[in-house]
């Protein structure tokens, strides 16, 4: 694995890249959720790389080690622009795997650019989300504008939001999701302008745009739902199957909205199965 940077024009994007072994038809691009970083995909990326896939895990603009946008543009259009720039530097159309905000970015980009990707995986992503679950995510992300005095406080906050997830044994994983600011306190590793306290998620969700993008998806698609998610419901998934009739659905029984972080092994197994089918289909088509 190596850390690389992509020039997306208005921002530079940090990414971790695992080389493939040449046996797979495309690379896999992993896009994390809002407030996360590329490190949330570590276990998944390592599993895919071991199976021969080339993998690119990207920090979205304003997150992790990617640049903060100079004009504080964190709209869906800006995120799609970045993804198009990354894909343009790859040899063949990749498989896009996106969780939450990364999934909406992938959905919009793939629907609006028919030859952009060879496959699409939406991780707890549907067009019609549950408003109460979205509010709870927003409240968690904006609850501590003053930051945290210690990493242990960060762990406590995560545990309060997601009590089903086991507490981490060490603090290295938590440290990747925060930054030590000039005030001596730990803050989440994103630009505060990404989600200011007055922000309403609906302002950037662009539901009509996502509906239209979903209707144009014609590539193999997998929807992975966490059965404990309060953001995506069974009705939301059924609605997506009307919009993308050929999509496959996998449910991870004990996972919430952050499926890969909650239950990485069953998630990675479901993703690997989908990617294997893409590989077989590509070989059959040669």
C-alpha atoms as a PDB file:
ATOM      1  CA  UNK A   1       0.000   0.000   0.000  1.00  0.00           C
ATOM      2  CA  UNK A   2       1.170   3.522  -0.773  1.00  0.00           C
ATOM      3  CA  UNK A   3      -0.287   6.925  -0.005  1.00  0.00           C
ATOM      4  CA  UNK A   4      -0.840   9.093  -3.077  1.00  0.00           C
ATOM      5  CA  UNK A   5      -2.437  12.417  -3.936  1.00  0.00           C
ATOM      6  CA  UNK A   6      -4.846  13.216  -6.756  1.00  0.00           C
ATOM      7  CA  UNK A   7      -5.143  16.688  -8.225  1.00  0.00           C
ATOM      8  CA  UNK A   8      -8.878  17.402  -8.482  1.00  0.00           C
ATOM      9  CA  UNK A   9      -8.426  20.989  -9.605  1.00  0.00           C
ATOM     10  CA  UNK A  10      -9.823  23.001  -6.720  1.00  0.00           C
ATOM     11  CA  UNK A  11      -8.474  20.575  -4.089  1.00  0.00           C
ATOM     12  CA  UNK A  12      -5.834  17.907  -3.646  1.00  0.00           C
ATOM     13  CA  UNK A  13      -7.143  14.543  -2.482  1.00  0.00           C
ATOM     14  CA  UNK A  14      -5.241  12.090  -0.293  1.00  0.00           C
ATOM     15  CA  UNK A  15      -5.684   8.383  -0.998  1.00  0.00           C
ATOM     16  CA  UNK A  16      -4.284   4.998  -0.067  1.00  0.00           C
ATOM     17  CA  UNK A  17      -3.629   2.739  -3.032  1.00  0.00           C
ATOM     18  CA  UNK A  18      -3.149  -1.010  -3.144  1.00  0.00           C
ATOM     19  CA  UNK A  19      -1.871  -2.437  -6.459  1.00  0.00           C
ATOM     20  CA  UNK A  20      -3.775  -5.291  -8.040  1.00  0.00           C
ATOM     21  CA  UNK A  21      -2.216  -8.492  -9.324  1.00  0.00           C
ATOM     22  CA  UNK A  22      -3.614  -8.122 -12.847  1.00  0.00           C
ATOM     23  CA  UNK A  23      -6.242 -10.841 -12.457  1.00  0.00           C
ATOM     24  CA  UNK A  24      -9.163  -8.462 -11.957  1.00  0.00           C
ATOM     25  CA  UNK A  25     -10.900  -6.380 -14.622  1.00  0.00           C
ATOM     26  CA  UNK A  26     -10.797  -3.023 -12.808  1.00  0.00           C
ATOM     27  CA  UNK A  27      -9.779  -1.168  -9.681  1.00  0.00           C
ATOM     28  CA  UNK A  28     -12.149  -0.569  -6.776  1.00  0.00           C
ATOM     29  CA  UNK A  29     -12.591   3.017  -5.578  1.00  0.00           C
ATOM     30  CA  UNK A  30     -13.735   3.305  -1.944  1.00  0.00           C
ATOM     31  CA  UNK A  31     -15.560   6.468  -0.840  1.00  0.00           C
ATOM     32  CA  UNK A  32     -16.212   6.966   2.878  1.00  0.00           C
ATOM     33  CA  UNK A  33     -19.173   8.578   4.602  1.00  0.00           C
ATOM     34  CA  UNK A  34     -19.461  12.147   5.815  1.00  0.00           C
ATOM     35  CA  UNK A  35     -17.245  12.786   8.818  1.00  0.00           C
ATOM     36  CA  UNK A  36     -15.143   9.666   8.200  1.00  0.00           C
ATOM     37  CA  UNK A  37     -11.769   9.225   6.504  1.00  0.00           C
ATOM     38  CA  UNK A  38     -10.286   6.735   4.059  1.00  0.00           C
ATOM     39  CA  UNK A  39      -9.030   4.709   7.030  1.00  0.00           C
ATOM     40  CA  UNK A  40     -12.570   3.490   7.687  1.00  0.00           C
ATOM     41  CA  UNK A  41     -12.024   1.133   4.718  1.00  0.00           C
ATOM     42  CA  UNK A  42      -8.732  -0.383   5.943  1.00  0.00           C
ATOM     43  CA  UNK A  43     -10.044  -3.888   6.638  1.00  0.00           C
ATOM     44  CA  UNK A  44     -12.108  -3.983   3.449  1.00  0.00           C
ATOM     45  CA  UNK A  45      -9.242  -2.676   1.306  1.00  0.00           C
ATOM     46  CA  UNK A  46      -6.807  -5.249   2.666  1.00  0.00           C
ATOM     47  CA  UNK A  47      -9.285  -8.062   1.989  1.00  0.00           C
ATOM     48  CA  UNK A  48      -9.833  -6.894  -1.596  1.00  0.00           C
ATOM     49  CA  UNK A  49      -6.108  -6.424  -2.232  1.00  0.00           C
ATOM     50  CA  UNK A  50      -5.460  -9.957  -0.985  1.00  0.00           C
ATOM     51  CA  UNK A  51      -8.003 -11.145  -3.574  1.00  0.00           C
ATOM     52  CA  UNK A  52      -6.068  -9.409  -6.358  1.00  0.00           C
ATOM     53  CA  UNK A  53      -8.044  -6.183  -6.707  1.00  0.00           C
ATOM     54  CA  UNK A  54      -6.395  -2.833  -7.139  1.00  0.00           C
ATOM     55  CA  UNK A  55      -7.923  -0.536  -4.521  1.00  0.00           C
ATOM     56  CA  UNK A  56      -8.040   3.235  -4.117  1.00  0.00           C
ATOM     57  CA  UNK A  57      -9.458   4.584  -0.829  1.00  0.00           C
ATOM     58  CA  UNK A  58      -9.928   8.347  -1.064  1.00  0.00           C
ATOM     59  CA  UNK A  59     -10.382  11.066   1.550  1.00  0.00           C
ATOM     60  CA  UNK A  60     -13.271  13.249   0.398  1.00  0.00           C
ATOM     61  CA  UNK A  61     -12.596  16.987   0.128  1.00  0.00           C
ATOM     62  CA  UNK A  62     -12.495  18.589   3.557  1.00  0.00           C
ATOM     63  CA  UNK A  63     -11.878  15.221   5.250  1.00  0.00           C
ATOM     64  CA  UNK A  64      -8.804  13.452   6.559  1.00  0.00           C
ATOM     65  CA  UNK A  65      -5.643  14.473   4.730  1.00  0.00           C
ATOM     66  CA  UNK A  66      -7.397  15.943   1.696  1.00  0.00           C
ATOM     67  CA  UNK A  67      -7.503  19.708   1.244  1.00  0.00           C
ATOM     68  CA  UNK A  68     -10.199  21.880   2.763  1.00  0.00           C
ATOM     69  CA  UNK A  69     -11.969  23.643  -0.083  1.00  0.00           C
ATOM     70  CA  UNK A  70     -10.884  27.302  -0.226  1.00  0.00           C
ATOM     71  CA  UNK A  71     -14.480  28.480  -0.854  1.00  0.00           C
ATOM     72  CA  UNK A  72     -15.987  25.897   1.521  1.00  0.00           C
ATOM     73  CA  UNK A  73     -17.734  24.090  -1.339  1.00  0.00           C
ATOM     74  CA  UNK A  74     -18.938  20.775   0.047  1.00  0.00           C
ATOM     75  CA  UNK A  75     -21.897  20.361  -2.282  1.00  0.00           C
ATOM     76  CA  UNK A  76     -22.741  17.167  -4.097  1.00  0.00           C
ATOM     77  CA  UNK A  77     -21.548  18.791  -7.326  1.00  0.00           C
ATOM     78  CA  UNK A  78     -18.148  19.463  -5.800  1.00  0.00           C
ATOM     79  CA  UNK A  79     -17.811  15.895  -4.551  1.00  0.00           C
ATOM     80  CA  UNK A  80     -18.819  14.482  -7.933  1.00  0.00           C
ATOM     81  CA  UNK A  81     -16.274  16.749  -9.608  1.00  0.00           C
ATOM     82  CA  UNK A  82     -13.549  15.265  -7.415  1.00  0.00           C
ATOM     83  CA  UNK A  83     -14.607  11.699  -8.167  1.00  0.00           C
ATOM     84  CA  UNK A  84     -14.562  12.348 -11.904  1.00  0.00           C
ATOM     85  CA  UNK A  85     -11.015  13.669 -11.567  1.00  0.00           C
ATOM     86  CA  UNK A  86      -9.883  10.538  -9.714  1.00  0.00           C
ATOM     87  CA  UNK A  87     -11.518   8.130 -12.171  1.00  0.00           C
ATOM     88  CA  UNK A  88      -9.971  10.000 -15.128  1.00  0.00           C
ATOM     89  CA  UNK A  89      -6.546   8.963 -13.836  1.00  0.00           C
ATOM     90  CA  UNK A  90      -7.394   5.234 -13.771  1.00  0.00           C
ATOM     91  CA  UNK A  91      -6.832   2.917 -16.722  1.00  0.00           C
ATOM     92  CA  UNK A  92     -10.335   1.431 -16.962  1.00  0.00           C
ATOM     93  CA  UNK A  93     -13.740   2.286 -15.465  1.00  0.00           C
ATOM     94  CA  UNK A  94     -13.578   1.211 -11.806  1.00  0.00           C
ATOM     95  CA  UNK A  95     -16.084  -0.292  -9.431  1.00  0.00           C
ATOM     96  CA  UNK A  96     -17.357   2.487  -7.167  1.00  0.00           C
ATOM     97  CA  UNK A  97     -18.073   1.585  -3.550  1.00  0.00           C
ATOM     98  CA  UNK A  98     -19.582   4.362  -1.458  1.00  0.00           C
ATOM     99  CA  UNK A  99     -20.917   4.562   2.085  1.00  0.00           C
ATOM    100  CA  UNK A 100     -23.420   7.244   3.063  1.00  0.00           C
ATOM    101  CA  UNK A 101     -22.139  10.543   1.581  1.00  0.00           C
ATOM    102  CA  UNK A 102     -19.604   8.639  -0.526  1.00  0.00           C
ATOM    103  CA  UNK A 103     -22.444   6.488  -1.822  1.00  0.00           C
ATOM    104  CA  UNK A 104     -24.531   9.478  -2.861  1.00  0.00           C
ATOM    105  CA  UNK A 105     -21.475  10.869  -4.627  1.00  0.00           C
ATOM    106  CA  UNK A 106     -20.951   7.585  -6.464  1.00  0.00           C
ATOM    107  CA  UNK A 107     -24.649   7.291  -7.336  1.00  0.00           C
ATOM    108  CA  UNK A 108     -24.830  10.792  -8.796  1.00  0.00           C
ATOM    109  CA  UNK A 109     -21.561  10.406 -10.702  1.00  0.00           C
ATOM    110  CA  UNK A 110     -22.410   6.985 -12.157  1.00  0.00           C
ATOM    111  CA  UNK A 111     -25.964   7.945 -13.090  1.00  0.00           C
ATOM    112  CA  UNK A 112     -24.874  11.130 -14.823  1.00  0.00           C
ATOM    113  CA  UNK A 113     -21.870   9.567 -16.577  1.00  0.00           C
ATOM    114  CA  UNK A 114     -22.905   6.187 -18.059  1.00  0.00           C
ATOM    115  CA  UNK A 115     -19.385   4.963 -18.908  1.00  0.00           C
ATOM    116  CA  UNK A 116     -17.743   6.185 -15.707  1.00  0.00           C
ATOM    117  CA  UNK A 117     -17.861   2.929 -13.732  1.00  0.00           C
ATOM    118  CA  UNK A 118     -18.108  -0.817 -14.321  1.00  0.00           C
ATOM    119  CA  UNK A 119     -20.009  -1.495 -11.095  1.00  0.00           C
ATOM    120  CA  UNK A 120     -21.646   0.323  -8.196  1.00  0.00           C
ATOM    121  CA  UNK A 121     -21.938  -0.622  -4.528  1.00  0.00           C
ATOM    122  CA  UNK A 122     -24.137   1.532  -2.282  1.00  0.00           C
ATOM    123  CA  UNK A 123     -23.488   0.930   1.415  1.00  0.00           C
ATOM    124  CA  UNK A 124     -26.584   1.889   3.434  1.00  0.00           C
ATOM    125  CA  UNK A 125     -27.550   4.348   0.719  1.00  0.00           C
ATOM    126  CA  UNK A 126     -31.039   4.921  -0.676  1.00  0.00           C
ATOM    127  CA  UNK A 127     -32.778   7.943  -2.138  1.00  0.00           C
ATOM    128  CA  UNK A 128     -35.602   7.971   0.425  1.00  0.00           C
ATOM    129  CA  UNK A 129     -33.869   8.009   3.804  1.00  0.00           C
ATOM    130  CA  UNK A 130     -35.399   8.049   7.276  1.00  0.00           C
ATOM    131  CA  UNK A 131     -35.423  11.662   8.559  1.00  0.00           C
ATOM    132  CA  UNK A 132     -35.037  10.683  12.224  1.00  0.00           C
ATOM    133  CA  UNK A 133     -31.902   8.692  11.471  1.00  0.00           C
ATOM    134  CA  UNK A 134     -30.425  11.528   9.419  1.00  0.00           C
ATOM    135  CA  UNK A 135     -31.098  13.950  12.295  1.00  0.00           C
ATOM    136  CA  UNK A 136     -29.349  11.645  14.744  1.00  0.00           C
ATOM    137  CA  UNK A 137     -26.262  11.490  12.511  1.00  0.00           C
ATOM    138  CA  UNK A 138     -26.212  15.266  12.220  1.00  0.00           C
ATOM    139  CA  UNK A 139     -26.631  15.738  15.980  1.00  0.00           C
ATOM    140  CA  UNK A 140     -23.699  13.413  16.619  1.00  0.00           C
ATOM    141  CA  UNK A 141     -21.466  15.192  14.107  1.00  0.00           C
ATOM    142  CA  UNK A 142     -22.214  18.686  15.400  1.00  0.00           C
ATOM    143  CA  UNK A 143     -22.510  17.956  19.126  1.00  0.00           C
ATOM    144  CA  UNK A 144     -18.955  18.900  20.124  1.00  0.00           C
ATOM    145  CA  UNK A 145     -17.855  22.039  18.281  1.00  0.00           C
ATOM    146  CA  UNK A 146     -15.401  22.697  21.119  1.00  0.00           C
ATOM    147  CA  UNK A 147     -13.703  19.332  20.556  1.00  0.00           C
ATOM    148  CA  UNK A 148     -12.504  16.789  23.098  1.00  0.00           C
ATOM    149  CA  UNK A 149      -9.899  17.048  25.850  1.00  0.00           C
ATOM    150  CA  UNK A 150      -8.700  13.446  25.391  1.00  0.00           C
ATOM    151  CA  UNK A 151      -8.978  10.575  22.952  1.00  0.00           C
ATOM    152  CA  UNK A 152     -10.878   8.668  25.622  1.00  0.00           C
ATOM    153  CA  UNK A 153     -13.608  11.303  25.381  1.00  0.00           C
ATOM    154  CA  UNK A 154     -13.773  10.656  21.631  1.00  0.00           C
ATOM    155  CA  UNK A 155     -14.239   6.936  22.296  1.00  0.00           C
ATOM    156  CA  UNK A 156     -17.008   7.711  24.789  1.00  0.00           C
ATOM    157  CA  UNK A 157     -18.838   9.864  22.226  1.00  0.00           C
ATOM    158  CA  UNK A 158     -18.655   7.146  19.562  1.00  0.00           C
ATOM    159  CA  UNK A 159     -19.826   4.513  22.050  1.00  0.00           C
ATOM    160  CA  UNK A 160     -22.807   6.656  23.044  1.00  0.00           C
ATOM    161  CA  UNK A 161     -23.847   7.019  19.399  1.00  0.00           C
ATOM    162  CA  UNK A 162     -23.267   3.360  18.521  1.00  0.00           C
ATOM    163  CA  UNK A 163     -23.444   1.225  21.691  1.00  0.00           C
ATOM    164  CA  UNK A 164     -23.628  -2.019  19.686  1.00  0.00           C
ATOM    165  CA  UNK A 165     -20.086  -1.590  18.384  1.00  0.00           C
ATOM    166  CA  UNK A 166     -17.350  -2.987  20.684  1.00  0.00           C
ATOM    167  CA  UNK A 167     -15.109  -0.327  22.210  1.00  0.00           C
ATOM    168  CA  UNK A 168     -11.658  -0.267  20.572  1.00  0.00           C
ATOM    169  CA  UNK A 169      -8.814  -1.950  22.417  1.00  0.00           C
ATOM    170  CA  UNK A 170      -6.352   0.825  21.509  1.00  0.00           C
ATOM    171  CA  UNK A 171      -6.617   4.430  20.426  1.00  0.00           C
ATOM    172  CA  UNK A 172      -4.786   4.332  17.073  1.00  0.00           C
ATOM    173  CA  UNK A 173      -7.970   3.892  15.052  1.00  0.00           C
ATOM    174  CA  UNK A 174      -9.710   6.733  16.869  1.00  0.00           C
ATOM    175  CA  UNK A 175      -6.684   9.001  16.407  1.00  0.00           C
ATOM    176  CA  UNK A 176      -7.069   8.726  12.603  1.00  0.00           C
ATOM    177  CA  UNK A 177     -10.536  10.291  12.815  1.00  0.00           C
ATOM    178  CA  UNK A 178      -9.518  13.374  14.792  1.00  0.00           C
ATOM    179  CA  UNK A 179      -6.900  16.114  14.613  1.00  0.00           C
ATOM    180  CA  UNK A 180      -5.085  17.914  17.403  1.00  0.00           C
ATOM    181  CA  UNK A 181      -5.908  21.590  16.855  1.00  0.00           C
ATOM    182  CA  UNK A 182      -4.073  24.720  17.948  1.00  0.00           C
ATOM    183  CA  UNK A 183      -6.345  24.955  20.989  1.00  0.00           C
ATOM    184  CA  UNK A 184      -4.838  21.726  22.313  1.00  0.00           C
ATOM    185  CA  UNK A 185      -8.083  19.796  21.891  1.00  0.00           C
ATOM    186  CA  UNK A 186      -9.020  16.939  19.593  1.00  0.00           C
ATOM    187  CA  UNK A 187     -11.479  17.837  16.831  1.00  0.00           C
ATOM    188  CA  UNK A 188     -13.092  15.646  14.200  1.00  0.00           C
ATOM    189  CA  UNK A 189     -10.882  15.301  11.131  1.00  0.00           C
ATOM    190  CA  UNK A 190     -12.985  17.408   8.786  1.00  0.00           C
ATOM    191  CA  UNK A 191     -13.348  21.049   7.883  1.00  0.00           C
ATOM    192  CA  UNK A 192     -15.891  22.599  10.324  1.00  0.00           C
ATOM    193  CA  UNK A 193     -17.441  24.295   7.293  1.00  0.00           C
ATOM    194  CA  UNK A 194     -18.469  20.860   6.017  1.00  0.00           C
ATOM    195  CA  UNK A 195     -21.289  20.766   8.550  1.00  0.00           C
ATOM    196  CA  UNK A 196     -21.708  24.018  10.490  1.00  0.00           C
ATOM    197  CA  UNK A 197     -24.190  24.035  13.406  1.00  0.00           C
ATOM    198  CA  UNK A 198     -26.893  25.792  11.361  1.00  0.00           C
ATOM    199  CA  UNK A 199     -26.632  23.353   8.466  1.00  0.00           C
ATOM    200  CA  UNK A 200     -29.693  21.386   7.427  1.00  0.00           C
ATOM    201  CA  UNK A 201     -28.767  18.156   5.575  1.00  0.00           C
ATOM    202  CA  UNK A 202     -31.658  18.590   3.154  1.00  0.00           C
ATOM    203  CA  UNK A 203     -29.951  21.670   1.709  1.00  0.00           C
ATOM    204  CA  UNK A 204     -27.288  19.503   0.091  1.00  0.00           C
ATOM    205  CA  UNK A 205     -29.089  16.205  -0.336  1.00  0.00           C
ATOM    206  CA  UNK A 206     -30.513  17.078  -3.797  1.00  0.00           C
ATOM    207  CA  UNK A 207     -33.104  14.318  -3.800  1.00  0.00           C
ATOM    208  CA  UNK A 208     -34.434  15.037  -7.293  1.00  0.00           C
ATOM    209  CA  UNK A 209     -30.936  14.812  -8.723  1.00  0.00           C
ATOM    210  CA  UNK A 210     -30.341  11.472  -6.996  1.00  0.00           C
ATOM    211  CA  UNK A 211     -33.694  10.127  -8.144  1.00  0.00           C
ATOM    212  CA  UNK A 212     -32.826  10.973 -11.744  1.00  0.00           C
ATOM    213  CA  UNK A 213     -29.343   9.496 -11.384  1.00  0.00           C
ATOM    214  CA  UNK A 214     -30.720   6.240  -9.950  1.00  0.00           C
ATOM    215  CA  UNK A 215     -33.139   5.901 -12.870  1.00  0.00           C
ATOM    216  CA  UNK A 216     -30.194   5.984 -15.281  1.00  0.00           C
ATOM    217  CA  UNK A 217     -28.038   3.349 -13.551  1.00  0.00           C
ATOM    218  CA  UNK A 218     -27.437   0.492 -15.997  1.00  0.00           C
ATOM    219  CA  UNK A 219     -24.317  -1.127 -14.513  1.00  0.00           C
ATOM    220  CA  UNK A 220     -24.215  -4.013 -12.015  1.00  0.00           C
ATOM    221  CA  UNK A 221     -25.283  -2.606  -8.659  1.00  0.00           C
ATOM    222  CA  UNK A 222     -25.241  -3.928  -5.100  1.00  0.00           C
ATOM    223  CA  UNK A 223     -27.105  -2.297  -2.225  1.00  0.00           C
ATOM    224  CA  UNK A 224     -25.844  -3.274   1.226  1.00  0.00           C
ATOM    225  CA  UNK A 225     -28.155  -2.446   4.106  1.00  0.00           C
ATOM    226  CA  UNK A 226     -27.379  -2.597   7.807  1.00  0.00           C
ATOM    227  CA  UNK A 227     -30.459  -4.105   9.429  1.00  0.00           C
ATOM    228  CA  UNK A 228     -29.868  -1.984  12.545  1.00  0.00           C
ATOM    229  CA  UNK A 229     -29.594   1.227  10.530  1.00  0.00           C
ATOM    230  CA  UNK A 230     -31.988   4.011  11.440  1.00  0.00           C
ATOM    231  CA  UNK A 231     -31.114   5.866   8.224  1.00  0.00           C
ATOM    232  CA  UNK A 232     -32.126   3.208   5.670  1.00  0.00           C
ATOM    233  CA  UNK A 233     -35.336   1.210   6.018  1.00  0.00           C
ATOM    234  CA  UNK A 234     -36.741  -1.802   4.173  1.00  0.00           C
ATOM    235  CA  UNK A 235     -39.151   0.551   2.416  1.00  0.00           C
ATOM    236  CA  UNK A 236     -36.229   2.703   1.283  1.00  0.00           C
ATOM    237  CA  UNK A 237     -34.519  -0.340  -0.208  1.00  0.00           C
ATOM    238  CA  UNK A 238     -37.730  -1.467  -1.933  1.00  0.00           C
ATOM    239  CA  UNK A 239     -38.007   1.987  -3.475  1.00  0.00           C
ATOM    240  CA  UNK A 240     -34.427   1.708  -4.771  1.00  0.00           C
ATOM    241  CA  UNK A 241     -35.254  -1.632  -6.407  1.00  0.00           C
ATOM    242  CA  UNK A 242     -38.028   0.097  -8.341  1.00  0.00           C
ATOM    243  CA  UNK A 243     -35.512   2.712  -9.484  1.00  0.00           C
ATOM    244  CA  UNK A 244     -32.703   0.196 -10.194  1.00  0.00           C
ATOM    245  CA  UNK A 245     -34.597  -3.052 -10.923  1.00  0.00           C
ATOM    246  CA  UNK A 246     -31.509  -5.210 -11.541  1.00  0.00           C
ATOM    247  CA  UNK A 247     -29.779  -4.203  -8.300  1.00  0.00           C
ATOM    248  CA  UNK A 248     -28.884  -6.918  -5.830  1.00  0.00           C
ATOM    249  CA  UNK A 249     -29.451  -6.465  -2.095  1.00  0.00           C
ATOM    250  CA  UNK A 250     -27.468  -7.853   0.829  1.00  0.00           C
ATOM    251  CA  UNK A 251     -28.464  -7.249   4.447  1.00  0.00           C
ATOM    252  CA  UNK A 252     -25.952  -7.347   7.303  1.00  0.00           C
ATOM    253  CA  UNK A 253     -27.914  -8.436  10.346  1.00  0.00           C
ATOM    254  CA  UNK A 254     -26.091  -6.708  13.209  1.00  0.00           C
ATOM    255  CA  UNK A 255     -24.781  -3.609  11.410  1.00  0.00           C
ATOM    256  CA  UNK A 256     -26.032  -0.055  11.684  1.00  0.00           C
ATOM    257  CA  UNK A 257     -25.565   2.802   9.232  1.00  0.00           C
ATOM    258  CA  UNK A 258     -21.765   2.441   9.273  1.00  0.00           C
ATOM    259  CA  UNK A 259     -21.919  -1.103   7.934  1.00  0.00           C
ATOM    260  CA  UNK A 260     -18.231  -1.735   7.246  1.00  0.00           C
ATOM    261  CA  UNK A 261     -17.188  -0.344  10.620  1.00  0.00           C
ATOM    262  CA  UNK A 262     -19.844  -2.287  12.510  1.00  0.00           C
ATOM    263  CA  UNK A 263     -19.464  -5.672  10.803  1.00  0.00           C
ATOM    264  CA  UNK A 264     -16.512  -5.619   8.427  1.00  0.00           C
ATOM    265  CA  UNK A 265     -16.201  -9.382   7.876  1.00  0.00           C
ATOM    266  CA  UNK A 266     -19.745 -10.060   6.586  1.00  0.00           C
ATOM    267  CA  UNK A 267     -19.687  -6.790   4.650  1.00  0.00           C
ATOM    268  CA  UNK A 268     -16.351  -7.612   3.014  1.00  0.00           C
ATOM    269  CA  UNK A 269     -17.584 -11.118   2.184  1.00  0.00           C
ATOM    270  CA  UNK A 270     -20.710  -9.727   0.483  1.00  0.00           C
ATOM    271  CA  UNK A 271     -18.631  -7.195  -1.439  1.00  0.00           C
ATOM    272  CA  UNK A 272     -16.117  -9.866  -2.489  1.00  0.00           C
ATOM    273  CA  UNK A 273     -18.931 -12.071  -3.799  1.00  0.00           C
ATOM    274  CA  UNK A 274     -20.335  -9.235  -5.890  1.00  0.00           C
ATOM    275  CA  UNK A 275     -16.895  -8.385  -7.269  1.00  0.00           C
ATOM    276  CA  UNK A 276     -16.214 -12.031  -8.087  1.00  0.00           C
ATOM    277  CA  UNK A 277     -19.392 -12.106 -10.181  1.00  0.00           C
ATOM    278  CA  UNK A 278     -18.200  -9.001 -12.027  1.00  0.00           C
ATOM    279  CA  UNK A 279     -14.900 -10.753 -12.730  1.00  0.00           C
ATOM    280  CA  UNK A 280     -16.623 -13.862 -14.089  1.00  0.00           C
ATOM    281  CA  UNK A 281     -18.922 -11.757 -16.251  1.00  0.00           C
ATOM    282  CA  UNK A 282     -15.934  -9.842 -17.624  1.00  0.00           C
ATOM    283  CA  UNK A 283     -14.123 -13.081 -18.464  1.00  0.00           C
ATOM    284  CA  UNK A 284     -17.241 -14.496 -20.156  1.00  0.00           C
ATOM    285  CA  UNK A 285     -17.466 -11.387 -22.278  1.00  0.00           C
ATOM    286  CA  UNK A 286     -13.925 -11.644 -23.631  1.00  0.00           C
END
